[in-house]
């Protein structure tokens, strides 16, 4: 029987992306909805790694299945690394900000800052948790700059990709802008997942 791996995210975009990057592994990937889990875990960690482990261990225990979760966000040099772990609650705090709110707010916060000082990075930490409490993590990032205006192209659930421009490609870091080959080569979440694949194969295959 094919073993199952729970993809522990409530973000449909992340679910699709992680499923795509793990599709070459002979395991059955299931989401929280398919697993019948509606509980939400409070992300109280102070780092991306802490939050990724929190989510993965919570859902592994809840489901009795190995679970993979990620946490990450946008870090802007000129703002001292903001928004960081607060990437999706940067503006309001008590609720998740919308994609458009985050895009507009970022541009406003950087008003007057010259392009050479508008460096930023997207970082992702992926955690694999087994039902016995064992955890493994991997991390990757991609750097770029934030132009004066975002691209008009949007990928729901990934607002900061409409802001991060990759000078080496001359393109924004956005699914619909990058080619399939470029997405394969530059996707930071994919690279973090790739580093965990040997562990996934060891325990699940």
N, C-alpha and C. Protein backbone atom coordinates (compact mmCIF):
# COMPACT_ATOMS: atom_id res chain seq x y z
N UNK A 1 0.84 -1.20 0.00
CA UNK A 1 0.00 0.00 0.00
C UNK A 1 0.88 1.25 0.00
N UNK A 2 0.52 2.22 -0.83
CA UNK A 2 1.28 3.46 -0.91
C UNK A 2 1.10 4.26 0.38
N UNK A 3 2.21 4.71 0.96
CA UNK A 3 2.14 5.47 2.20
C UNK A 3 1.68 6.90 1.93
N UNK A 4 1.09 7.52 2.96
CA UNK A 4 0.53 8.86 2.83
C UNK A 4 1.44 9.90 3.49
N UNK A 5 1.41 11.08 2.91
CA UNK A 5 2.09 12.24 3.48
C UNK A 5 1.11 13.39 3.49
N UNK A 6 0.89 13.97 4.66
CA UNK A 6 -0.04 15.09 4.80
C UNK A 6 0.68 16.40 4.51
N UNK A 7 0.12 17.16 3.58
CA UNK A 7 0.65 18.49 3.30
C UNK A 7 -0.13 19.47 4.17
N UNK A 8 0.52 19.94 5.21
CA UNK A 8 -0.17 20.69 6.26
C UNK A 8 -0.16 22.19 5.98
N UNK A 9 -1.04 22.62 5.09
CA UNK A 9 -1.18 24.04 4.80
C UNK A 9 -2.64 24.35 4.48
N UNK A 10 -3.07 25.54 4.85
CA UNK A 10 -4.42 26.00 4.51
C UNK A 10 -4.39 26.92 3.30
N UNK A 11 -3.20 27.14 2.75
CA UNK A 11 -3.02 28.00 1.58
C UNK A 11 -3.12 27.15 0.32
N UNK A 12 -4.17 27.32 -0.49
CA UNK A 12 -4.33 26.51 -1.71
C UNK A 12 -3.15 26.60 -2.66
N UNK A 13 -2.53 27.78 -2.73
CA UNK A 13 -1.38 27.95 -3.60
C UNK A 13 -0.20 27.11 -3.15
N UNK A 14 0.05 27.11 -1.84
CA UNK A 14 1.14 26.29 -1.30
C UNK A 14 0.85 24.80 -1.47
N UNK A 15 -0.41 24.42 -1.26
CA UNK A 15 -0.79 23.01 -1.42
C UNK A 15 -0.47 22.54 -2.84
N UNK A 16 -0.85 23.35 -3.82
CA UNK A 16 -0.61 23.00 -5.22
C UNK A 16 0.89 22.95 -5.52
N UNK A 17 1.62 23.93 -5.00
CA UNK A 17 3.05 24.00 -5.29
C UNK A 17 3.81 22.84 -4.66
N UNK A 18 3.55 22.56 -3.38
CA UNK A 18 4.24 21.46 -2.70
C UNK A 18 3.87 20.13 -3.34
N UNK A 19 2.60 19.96 -3.69
CA UNK A 19 2.17 18.72 -4.35
C UNK A 19 2.91 18.52 -5.67
N UNK A 20 3.07 19.60 -6.41
CA UNK A 20 3.77 19.52 -7.70
C UNK A 20 5.23 19.11 -7.50
N UNK A 21 5.88 19.71 -6.51
CA UNK A 21 7.30 19.44 -6.30
C UNK A 21 7.57 18.06 -5.72
N UNK A 22 6.55 17.44 -5.09
CA UNK A 22 6.72 16.10 -4.53
C UNK A 22 6.06 15.02 -5.39
N UNK A 23 5.56 15.41 -6.55
CA UNK A 23 4.80 14.48 -7.39
C UNK A 23 5.65 13.34 -7.94
N UNK A 24 6.97 13.50 -7.92
CA UNK A 24 7.83 12.43 -8.43
C UNK A 24 8.16 11.37 -7.38
N UNK A 25 7.62 11.53 -6.18
CA UNK A 25 7.84 10.55 -5.12
C UNK A 25 6.66 9.58 -5.06
N UNK A 26 6.91 8.28 -4.93
CA UNK A 26 5.82 7.29 -4.91
C UNK A 26 5.10 7.22 -3.57
N UNK A 27 4.50 8.35 -3.19
CA UNK A 27 3.71 8.42 -1.97
C UNK A 27 2.40 9.13 -2.29
N UNK A 28 1.39 8.90 -1.48
CA UNK A 28 0.10 9.56 -1.70
C UNK A 28 0.07 10.85 -0.90
N UNK A 29 -0.08 11.95 -1.61
CA UNK A 29 -0.11 13.26 -0.98
C UNK A 29 -1.55 13.66 -0.70
N UNK A 30 -1.84 14.05 0.53
CA UNK A 30 -3.19 14.48 0.87
C UNK A 30 -3.14 15.83 1.59
N UNK A 31 -4.19 16.61 1.40
CA UNK A 31 -4.28 17.90 2.07
C UNK A 31 -5.11 17.81 3.33
N UNK A 32 -5.20 18.90 4.06
CA UNK A 32 -5.95 18.92 5.32
C UNK A 32 -7.43 18.64 5.09
N UNK A 33 -7.97 19.17 4.00
CA UNK A 33 -9.40 18.96 3.72
C UNK A 33 -9.69 17.49 3.49
N UNK A 34 -8.86 16.82 2.69
CA UNK A 34 -9.06 15.40 2.43
C UNK A 34 -8.89 14.58 3.70
N UNK A 35 -8.03 15.05 4.60
CA UNK A 35 -7.81 14.34 5.87
C UNK A 35 -8.90 14.63 6.88
N UNK A 36 -9.81 15.54 6.54
CA UNK A 36 -10.92 15.87 7.44
C UNK A 36 -10.50 16.73 8.62
N UNK A 37 -9.42 17.48 8.45
CA UNK A 37 -8.90 18.31 9.54
C UNK A 37 -9.25 19.78 9.28
N UNK A 38 -9.94 20.38 10.24
CA UNK A 38 -10.31 21.79 10.12
C UNK A 38 -9.62 22.65 11.17
N UNK A 39 -8.92 22.02 12.09
CA UNK A 39 -8.23 22.76 13.15
C UNK A 39 -7.14 23.66 12.56
N UNK A 40 -6.95 24.81 13.19
CA UNK A 40 -5.87 25.71 12.80
C UNK A 40 -4.87 25.80 13.95
N UNK A 41 -3.62 25.81 13.63
CA UNK A 41 -2.59 25.92 14.66
C UNK A 41 -2.16 27.38 14.78
N UNK A 42 -1.99 27.84 16.00
CA UNK A 42 -1.56 29.21 16.23
C UNK A 42 -0.05 29.31 16.01
N UNK A 43 0.34 30.19 15.13
CA UNK A 43 1.76 30.33 14.80
C UNK A 43 2.42 31.29 15.78
N UNK A 44 2.89 30.74 16.88
CA UNK A 44 3.47 31.55 17.96
C UNK A 44 4.99 31.60 17.92
N UNK A 45 5.60 30.94 16.95
CA UNK A 45 7.05 30.92 16.86
C UNK A 45 7.63 32.29 16.53
N UNK A 46 8.87 32.49 16.93
CA UNK A 46 9.56 33.75 16.66
C UNK A 46 10.40 33.69 15.40
N UNK A 47 10.51 32.48 14.82
CA UNK A 47 11.27 32.31 13.59
C UNK A 47 10.46 31.47 12.61
N UNK A 48 10.85 31.49 11.35
CA UNK A 48 10.19 30.65 10.35
C UNK A 48 10.32 29.18 10.72
N UNK A 49 11.50 28.79 11.20
CA UNK A 49 11.73 27.39 11.56
C UNK A 49 10.81 26.94 12.69
N UNK A 50 10.67 27.77 13.71
CA UNK A 50 9.79 27.42 14.83
C UNK A 50 8.35 27.24 14.36
N UNK A 51 7.89 28.13 13.50
CA UNK A 51 6.51 28.03 13.01
C UNK A 51 6.31 26.82 12.11
N UNK A 52 7.29 26.53 11.26
CA UNK A 52 7.18 25.35 10.38
C UNK A 52 7.10 24.08 11.21
N UNK A 53 7.93 23.97 12.24
CA UNK A 53 7.91 22.79 13.11
C UNK A 53 6.61 22.71 13.89
N UNK A 54 6.14 23.86 14.39
CA UNK A 54 4.86 23.89 15.10
C UNK A 54 3.73 23.31 14.26
N UNK A 55 3.64 23.76 13.02
CA UNK A 55 2.57 23.30 12.13
C UNK A 55 2.72 21.83 11.78
N UNK A 56 3.92 21.43 11.42
CA UNK A 56 4.14 20.04 11.01
C UNK A 56 3.86 19.07 12.16
N UNK A 57 4.35 19.37 13.36
CA UNK A 57 4.14 18.46 14.50
C UNK A 57 2.68 18.44 14.94
N UNK A 58 2.02 19.59 14.90
CA UNK A 58 0.61 19.65 15.28
C UNK A 58 -0.23 18.76 14.39
N UNK A 59 -0.04 18.89 13.08
CA UNK A 59 -0.87 18.12 12.15
C UNK A 59 -0.45 16.66 12.06
N UNK A 60 0.81 16.36 12.33
CA UNK A 60 1.24 14.95 12.37
C UNK A 60 0.56 14.23 13.53
N UNK A 61 0.51 14.89 14.68
CA UNK A 61 -0.14 14.29 15.84
C UNK A 61 -1.65 14.21 15.63
N UNK A 62 -2.21 15.23 15.02
CA UNK A 62 -3.66 15.27 14.79
C UNK A 62 -4.11 14.18 13.83
N UNK A 63 -3.30 13.91 12.81
CA UNK A 63 -3.69 12.97 11.76
C UNK A 63 -3.13 11.57 11.94
N UNK A 64 -2.06 11.46 12.72
CA UNK A 64 -1.38 10.17 12.83
C UNK A 64 -0.55 9.85 11.60
N UNK A 65 -0.34 10.86 10.76
CA UNK A 65 0.43 10.69 9.52
C UNK A 65 1.69 11.56 9.55
N UNK A 66 2.70 11.20 8.78
CA UNK A 66 3.81 12.12 8.59
C UNK A 66 3.25 13.39 7.94
N UNK A 67 3.74 14.53 8.37
CA UNK A 67 3.21 15.80 7.84
C UNK A 67 4.35 16.72 7.44
N UNK A 68 4.12 17.43 6.37
CA UNK A 68 5.10 18.41 5.91
C UNK A 68 4.44 19.79 5.90
N UNK A 69 5.13 20.77 6.45
CA UNK A 69 4.59 22.12 6.52
C UNK A 69 5.72 23.10 6.25
N UNK A 70 5.35 24.30 5.88
CA UNK A 70 6.40 25.29 5.68
C UNK A 70 5.98 26.62 6.29
N UNK A 71 6.97 27.43 6.54
CA UNK A 71 6.70 28.80 6.96
C UNK A 71 7.77 29.66 6.30
N UNK A 72 7.41 30.84 5.98
CA UNK A 72 8.37 31.71 5.32
C UNK A 72 7.77 33.08 5.14
N UNK A 73 8.52 33.94 4.52
CA UNK A 73 8.01 35.28 4.31
C UNK A 73 9.02 36.17 3.61
N UNK A 74 8.68 37.43 3.62
CA UNK A 74 9.43 38.45 2.90
C UNK A 74 10.30 39.21 3.90
N UNK A 75 11.54 39.46 3.54
CA UNK A 75 12.46 40.21 4.39
C UNK A 75 13.06 41.34 3.56
N UNK A 76 12.77 42.57 3.97
CA UNK A 76 13.17 43.75 3.21
C UNK A 76 14.35 44.42 3.90
N UNK A 77 15.45 44.56 3.19
CA UNK A 77 16.68 45.10 3.78
C UNK A 77 16.47 46.48 4.41
N UNK A 78 15.84 47.38 3.67
CA UNK A 78 15.69 48.77 4.12
C UNK A 78 14.77 48.90 5.33
N UNK A 79 13.99 47.86 5.62
CA UNK A 79 13.07 47.89 6.76
C UNK A 79 13.55 46.97 7.88
N UNK A 80 14.84 46.68 7.88
CA UNK A 80 15.40 45.87 8.95
C UNK A 80 14.90 44.43 8.98
N UNK A 81 14.51 43.92 7.80
CA UNK A 81 14.04 42.54 7.73
C UNK A 81 12.54 42.38 7.84
N UNK A 82 11.81 43.50 8.01
CA UNK A 82 10.35 43.41 8.00
C UNK A 82 9.88 42.95 6.61
N UNK A 83 8.71 42.31 6.57
CA UNK A 83 7.82 41.90 7.66
C UNK A 83 8.21 40.59 8.34
N UNK A 84 9.10 39.79 7.76
CA UNK A 84 9.57 38.58 8.42
C UNK A 84 8.45 37.61 8.77
N UNK A 85 8.45 37.11 10.02
CA UNK A 85 7.45 36.12 10.42
C UNK A 85 6.03 36.69 10.44
N UNK A 86 5.91 38.00 10.36
CA UNK A 86 4.59 38.63 10.35
C UNK A 86 4.14 38.96 8.93
N UNK A 87 4.69 38.27 7.95
CA UNK A 87 4.46 38.64 6.55
C UNK A 87 2.99 38.74 6.15
N UNK A 88 2.13 37.90 6.71
CA UNK A 88 0.72 37.94 6.30
C UNK A 88 -0.17 38.63 7.33
N UNK A 89 0.44 39.16 8.41
CA UNK A 89 -0.30 39.96 9.40
C UNK A 89 0.49 41.24 9.69
N UNK A 90 1.14 41.73 8.70
CA UNK A 90 2.04 42.86 8.83
C UNK A 90 1.29 44.16 9.13
N UNK A 91 0.16 44.34 8.50
CA UNK A 91 -0.56 45.61 8.59
C UNK A 91 -1.53 45.63 9.76
N UNK A 92 -2.38 44.62 9.83
CA UNK A 92 -3.46 44.63 10.81
C UNK A 92 -3.17 43.85 12.09
N UNK A 93 -2.32 42.85 12.01
CA UNK A 93 -1.95 42.10 13.20
C UNK A 93 -2.98 41.10 13.66
N UNK A 94 -4.24 41.54 13.80
CA UNK A 94 -5.28 40.66 14.32
C UNK A 94 -5.99 39.86 13.23
N UNK A 95 -5.64 40.10 11.99
CA UNK A 95 -6.21 39.32 10.88
C UNK A 95 -5.20 39.26 9.74
N UNK A 96 -5.40 38.28 8.86
CA UNK A 96 -4.51 38.18 7.71
C UNK A 96 -4.79 39.30 6.72
N UNK A 97 -3.74 39.91 6.24
CA UNK A 97 -3.87 40.97 5.24
C UNK A 97 -4.14 40.36 3.87
N UNK A 98 -4.84 41.09 3.03
CA UNK A 98 -5.08 40.60 1.67
C UNK A 98 -3.82 40.80 0.83
N UNK A 99 -3.77 40.10 -0.29
CA UNK A 99 -2.62 40.24 -1.19
C UNK A 99 -2.43 41.69 -1.63
N UNK A 100 -3.52 42.33 -2.02
CA UNK A 100 -3.42 43.70 -2.53
C UNK A 100 -3.01 44.68 -1.43
N UNK A 101 -3.49 44.45 -0.21
CA UNK A 101 -3.09 45.31 0.91
C UNK A 101 -1.57 45.23 1.12
N UNK A 102 -1.05 44.02 1.08
CA UNK A 102 0.38 43.82 1.31
C UNK A 102 1.23 44.43 0.21
N UNK A 103 0.78 44.29 -1.02
CA UNK A 103 1.52 44.86 -2.15
C UNK A 103 1.55 46.38 -2.05
N UNK A 104 0.40 46.99 -1.82
CA UNK A 104 0.30 48.45 -1.73
C UNK A 104 1.08 48.99 -0.54
N UNK A 105 0.98 48.31 0.59
CA UNK A 105 1.64 48.75 1.82
C UNK A 105 3.16 48.70 1.66
N UNK A 106 3.66 47.66 1.01
CA UNK A 106 5.10 47.54 0.80
C UNK A 106 5.62 48.69 -0.05
N UNK A 107 4.93 48.98 -1.14
CA UNK A 107 5.34 50.08 -2.02
C UNK A 107 5.33 51.41 -1.27
N UNK A 108 4.31 51.60 -0.43
CA UNK A 108 4.19 52.84 0.34
C UNK A 108 5.33 52.96 1.36
N UNK A 109 5.64 51.86 2.05
CA UNK A 109 6.71 51.89 3.06
C UNK A 109 8.08 52.19 2.44
N UNK A 110 8.24 51.84 1.18
CA UNK A 110 9.53 52.05 0.51
C UNK A 110 9.58 53.33 -0.30
N UNK A 111 8.54 54.15 -0.19
CA UNK A 111 8.50 55.40 -0.94
C UNK A 111 9.73 56.27 -0.60
N UNK A 112 10.43 56.72 -1.63
CA UNK A 112 11.59 57.57 -1.42
C UNK A 112 12.91 56.83 -1.26
N UNK A 113 12.86 55.51 -1.14
CA UNK A 113 14.08 54.72 -1.00
C UNK A 113 14.60 54.37 -2.39
N UNK A 114 15.86 54.70 -2.70
CA UNK A 114 16.39 54.46 -4.05
C UNK A 114 16.53 52.97 -4.36
N UNK A 115 16.48 52.65 -5.63
CA UNK A 115 16.49 51.26 -6.08
C UNK A 115 17.67 50.44 -5.53
N UNK A 116 18.89 51.00 -5.47
CA UNK A 116 20.01 50.19 -4.95
C UNK A 116 19.82 49.74 -3.50
N UNK A 117 18.94 50.43 -2.77
CA UNK A 117 18.70 50.10 -1.36
C UNK A 117 17.41 49.30 -1.15
N UNK A 118 16.82 48.81 -2.23
CA UNK A 118 15.54 48.12 -2.13
C UNK A 118 15.69 46.60 -2.26
N UNK A 119 16.79 46.08 -1.75
CA UNK A 119 17.01 44.64 -1.77
C UNK A 119 16.04 43.91 -0.84
N UNK A 120 15.70 42.68 -1.20
CA UNK A 120 14.77 41.90 -0.38
C UNK A 120 14.95 40.42 -0.71
N UNK A 121 14.40 39.59 0.14
CA UNK A 121 14.47 38.16 -0.11
C UNK A 121 13.20 37.47 0.37
N UNK A 122 12.86 36.40 -0.32
CA UNK A 122 11.80 35.50 0.13
C UNK A 122 12.49 34.27 0.70
N UNK A 123 12.09 33.89 1.91
CA UNK A 123 12.72 32.76 2.58
C UNK A 123 11.66 31.74 2.94
N UNK A 124 12.00 30.46 2.85
CA UNK A 124 11.08 29.38 3.20
C UNK A 124 11.81 28.33 4.02
N UNK A 125 11.17 27.89 5.09
CA UNK A 125 11.66 26.76 5.88
C UNK A 125 10.60 25.67 5.80
N UNK A 126 11.01 24.48 5.40
CA UNK A 126 10.11 23.34 5.29
C UNK A 126 10.43 22.37 6.42
N UNK A 127 9.38 21.89 7.10
CA UNK A 127 9.56 20.94 8.20
C UNK A 127 8.80 19.66 7.91
N UNK A 128 9.43 18.54 8.16
CA UNK A 128 8.80 17.23 8.07
C UNK A 128 8.70 16.69 9.49
N UNK A 129 7.49 16.33 9.91
CA UNK A 129 7.27 15.77 11.24
C UNK A 129 6.68 14.38 11.13
N UNK A 130 7.22 13.46 11.89
CA UNK A 130 6.70 12.10 11.95
C UNK A 130 5.82 11.97 13.19
N UNK A 131 4.87 11.05 13.18
CA UNK A 131 3.95 10.92 14.32
C UNK A 131 4.64 10.68 15.66
N UNK A 132 5.88 10.15 15.63
CA UNK A 132 6.59 9.91 16.89
C UNK A 132 7.27 11.16 17.44
N UNK A 133 7.09 12.29 16.74
CA UNK A 133 7.65 13.55 17.22
C UNK A 133 8.96 13.95 16.58
N UNK A 134 9.56 13.07 15.79
CA UNK A 134 10.80 13.38 15.09
C UNK A 134 10.56 14.46 14.03
N UNK A 135 11.45 15.44 13.95
CA UNK A 135 11.31 16.49 12.95
C UNK A 135 12.61 16.70 12.17
N UNK A 136 12.45 17.13 10.94
CA UNK A 136 13.58 17.47 10.08
C UNK A 136 13.22 18.76 9.35
N UNK A 137 14.19 19.64 9.16
CA UNK A 137 13.91 20.91 8.49
C UNK A 137 14.93 21.21 7.39
N UNK A 138 14.51 22.06 6.48
CA UNK A 138 15.38 22.53 5.41
C UNK A 138 14.96 23.95 5.06
N UNK A 139 15.91 24.74 4.58
CA UNK A 139 15.64 26.15 4.31
C UNK A 139 16.28 26.60 3.01
N UNK A 140 15.62 27.54 2.34
CA UNK A 140 16.22 28.16 1.16
C UNK A 140 15.63 29.55 0.99
N UNK A 141 16.26 30.35 0.15
CA UNK A 141 15.79 31.71 -0.08
C UNK A 141 16.13 32.15 -1.49
N UNK A 142 15.48 33.22 -1.92
CA UNK A 142 15.83 33.84 -3.19
C UNK A 142 15.85 35.35 -3.00
N UNK A 143 16.91 35.99 -3.50
CA UNK A 143 17.05 37.43 -3.34
C UNK A 143 16.74 38.17 -4.64
N UNK A 144 16.32 39.41 -4.47
CA UNK A 144 16.05 40.26 -5.61
C UNK A 144 15.91 41.69 -5.13
N UNK A 145 15.24 42.51 -5.93
CA UNK A 145 14.99 43.90 -5.56
C UNK A 145 13.51 44.21 -5.74
N UNK A 146 13.06 45.26 -5.05
CA UNK A 146 11.67 45.70 -5.16
C UNK A 146 11.63 46.96 -6.02
N UNK A 147 11.12 46.88 -7.25
CA UNK A 147 11.04 48.07 -8.11
C UNK A 147 10.04 49.09 -7.56
N UNK A 148 9.95 50.22 -8.24
CA UNK A 148 9.04 51.27 -7.79
C UNK A 148 7.59 50.85 -7.95
N UNK A 149 7.33 49.96 -8.92
CA UNK A 149 5.97 49.46 -9.14
C UNK A 149 5.99 47.94 -9.21
N UNK A 150 4.94 47.28 -8.68
CA UNK A 150 4.87 45.82 -8.78
C UNK A 150 4.43 45.41 -10.18
N UNK A 151 4.61 44.14 -10.50
CA UNK A 151 4.05 43.63 -11.74
C UNK A 151 2.53 43.56 -11.60
N UNK A 152 1.82 43.65 -12.70
CA UNK A 152 0.36 43.54 -12.67
C UNK A 152 -0.09 42.09 -12.56
N UNK A 153 0.84 41.17 -12.75
CA UNK A 153 0.52 39.74 -12.67
C UNK A 153 0.43 39.31 -11.21
N UNK A 154 -0.60 38.54 -10.88
CA UNK A 154 -0.79 38.09 -9.51
C UNK A 154 -0.90 36.57 -9.45
N UNK A 155 -0.33 36.00 -8.38
CA UNK A 155 -0.54 34.59 -8.06
C UNK A 155 -1.21 34.58 -6.69
N UNK A 156 -2.51 34.24 -6.60
CA UNK A 156 -3.23 34.29 -5.32
C UNK A 156 -2.49 33.55 -4.21
N UNK A 157 -2.36 34.22 -3.06
CA UNK A 157 -1.69 33.62 -1.92
C UNK A 157 -0.20 33.91 -1.85
N UNK A 158 0.34 34.53 -2.93
CA UNK A 158 1.77 34.83 -2.97
C UNK A 158 1.99 36.30 -3.36
N UNK A 159 1.55 37.24 -2.53
CA UNK A 159 1.62 38.65 -2.92
C UNK A 159 3.03 39.18 -3.15
N UNK A 160 3.99 38.69 -2.36
CA UNK A 160 5.34 39.25 -2.45
C UNK A 160 6.07 38.85 -3.73
N UNK A 161 5.56 37.83 -4.40
CA UNK A 161 6.18 37.46 -5.68
C UNK A 161 5.89 38.50 -6.76
N UNK A 162 4.85 39.29 -6.54
CA UNK A 162 4.55 40.37 -7.48
C UNK A 162 5.41 41.61 -7.21
N UNK A 163 6.22 41.53 -6.15
CA UNK A 163 7.09 42.65 -5.77
C UNK A 163 8.57 42.35 -5.98
N UNK A 164 8.93 41.07 -5.98
CA UNK A 164 10.34 40.70 -6.04
C UNK A 164 10.81 40.53 -7.48
N UNK A 165 11.71 41.40 -7.88
CA UNK A 165 12.26 41.39 -9.24
C UNK A 165 13.64 40.74 -9.21
N UNK A 166 13.87 39.83 -10.16
CA UNK A 166 15.14 39.12 -10.22
C UNK A 166 16.00 39.71 -11.35
N UNK A 167 16.98 40.54 -11.02
CA UNK A 167 17.81 41.19 -12.05
C UNK A 167 18.50 40.19 -12.97
N UNK A 168 18.88 39.02 -12.43
CA UNK A 168 19.60 38.05 -13.24
C UNK A 168 18.74 37.47 -14.36
N UNK A 169 17.41 37.56 -14.19
CA UNK A 169 16.49 37.07 -15.22
C UNK A 169 15.79 38.20 -15.96
N UNK A 170 15.78 39.38 -15.34
CA UNK A 170 15.04 40.48 -15.93
C UNK A 170 13.54 40.27 -15.82
N UNK A 171 13.12 39.55 -14.77
CA UNK A 171 11.70 39.22 -14.60
C UNK A 171 11.32 39.26 -13.12
N UNK A 172 10.00 39.40 -12.88
CA UNK A 172 9.50 39.25 -11.52
C UNK A 172 9.44 37.77 -11.17
N UNK A 173 9.51 37.50 -9.86
CA UNK A 173 9.50 36.12 -9.36
C UNK A 173 8.06 35.65 -9.23
N UNK A 174 7.44 35.39 -10.36
CA UNK A 174 6.02 35.08 -10.39
C UNK A 174 5.79 33.91 -11.34
N UNK A 175 4.94 32.97 -10.91
CA UNK A 175 4.68 31.76 -11.70
C UNK A 175 4.35 32.06 -13.15
N UNK A 176 3.46 33.05 -13.35
CA UNK A 176 2.97 33.32 -14.69
C UNK A 176 3.93 34.15 -15.53
N UNK A 177 5.00 34.62 -14.92
CA UNK A 177 6.00 35.41 -15.63
C UNK A 177 7.20 34.55 -15.99
N UNK A 178 7.61 33.69 -15.06
CA UNK A 178 8.76 32.82 -15.30
C UNK A 178 8.36 31.62 -16.15
N UNK A 179 9.31 31.14 -16.93
CA UNK A 179 9.07 29.92 -17.70
C UNK A 179 9.11 28.72 -16.77
N UNK A 180 8.66 27.57 -17.26
CA UNK A 180 8.71 26.34 -16.46
C UNK A 180 10.13 26.04 -16.03
N UNK A 181 11.07 26.22 -16.94
CA UNK A 181 12.48 25.95 -16.64
C UNK A 181 13.01 26.90 -15.58
N UNK A 182 12.60 28.17 -15.66
CA UNK A 182 13.06 29.16 -14.68
C UNK A 182 12.46 28.88 -13.31
N UNK A 183 11.18 28.50 -13.28
CA UNK A 183 10.55 28.13 -12.01
C UNK A 183 11.28 26.94 -11.37
N UNK A 184 11.63 25.97 -12.20
CA UNK A 184 12.35 24.79 -11.71
C UNK A 184 13.70 25.18 -11.12
N UNK A 185 14.39 26.09 -11.79
CA UNK A 185 15.75 26.44 -11.40
C UNK A 185 15.83 27.39 -10.21
N UNK A 186 14.81 28.26 -10.06
CA UNK A 186 14.92 29.33 -9.07
C UNK A 186 13.98 29.22 -7.88
N UNK A 187 12.98 28.33 -7.93
CA UNK A 187 11.99 28.29 -6.86
C UNK A 187 12.63 27.90 -5.52
N UNK A 188 12.54 28.79 -4.55
CA UNK A 188 13.21 28.56 -3.27
C UNK A 188 12.53 27.48 -2.44
N UNK A 189 11.20 27.37 -2.55
CA UNK A 189 10.50 26.32 -1.81
C UNK A 189 10.84 24.94 -2.39
N UNK A 190 10.96 24.87 -3.69
CA UNK A 190 11.34 23.61 -4.34
C UNK A 190 12.71 23.15 -3.85
N UNK A 191 13.66 24.08 -3.76
CA UNK A 191 15.00 23.72 -3.31
C UNK A 191 14.98 23.22 -1.86
N UNK A 192 14.17 23.85 -1.02
CA UNK A 192 14.07 23.40 0.37
C UNK A 192 13.46 22.00 0.44
N UNK A 193 12.44 21.75 -0.39
CA UNK A 193 11.81 20.43 -0.43
C UNK A 193 12.76 19.37 -0.97
N UNK A 194 13.54 19.73 -1.98
CA UNK A 194 14.49 18.79 -2.57
C UNK A 194 15.46 18.27 -1.51
N UNK A 195 15.86 19.15 -0.60
CA UNK A 195 16.81 18.75 0.44
C UNK A 195 16.20 17.75 1.42
N UNK A 196 14.86 17.75 1.53
CA UNK A 196 14.18 16.81 2.43
C UNK A 196 13.79 15.50 1.76
N UNK A 197 13.87 15.45 0.45
CA UNK A 197 13.42 14.24 -0.26
C UNK A 197 14.14 12.96 0.17
N UNK A 198 15.45 12.99 0.41
CA UNK A 198 16.09 11.75 0.89
C UNK A 198 15.51 11.25 2.20
N UNK A 199 15.14 12.17 3.08
CA UNK A 199 14.54 11.78 4.37
C UNK A 199 13.13 11.24 4.15
N UNK A 200 12.37 11.90 3.27
CA UNK A 200 11.02 11.42 2.95
C UNK A 200 11.09 10.01 2.38
N UNK A 201 12.02 9.78 1.48
CA UNK A 201 12.16 8.44 0.88
C UNK A 201 12.57 7.41 1.93
N UNK A 202 13.44 7.80 2.84
CA UNK A 202 13.92 6.88 3.87
C UNK A 202 12.79 6.39 4.76
N UNK A 203 11.90 7.31 5.16
CA UNK A 203 10.85 6.96 6.11
C UNK A 203 9.54 6.51 5.47
N UNK A 204 9.30 6.93 4.22
CA UNK A 204 7.97 6.69 3.64
C UNK A 204 7.97 5.74 2.45
N UNK A 205 9.12 5.38 1.94
CA UNK A 205 9.13 4.53 0.74
C UNK A 205 9.79 3.20 1.05
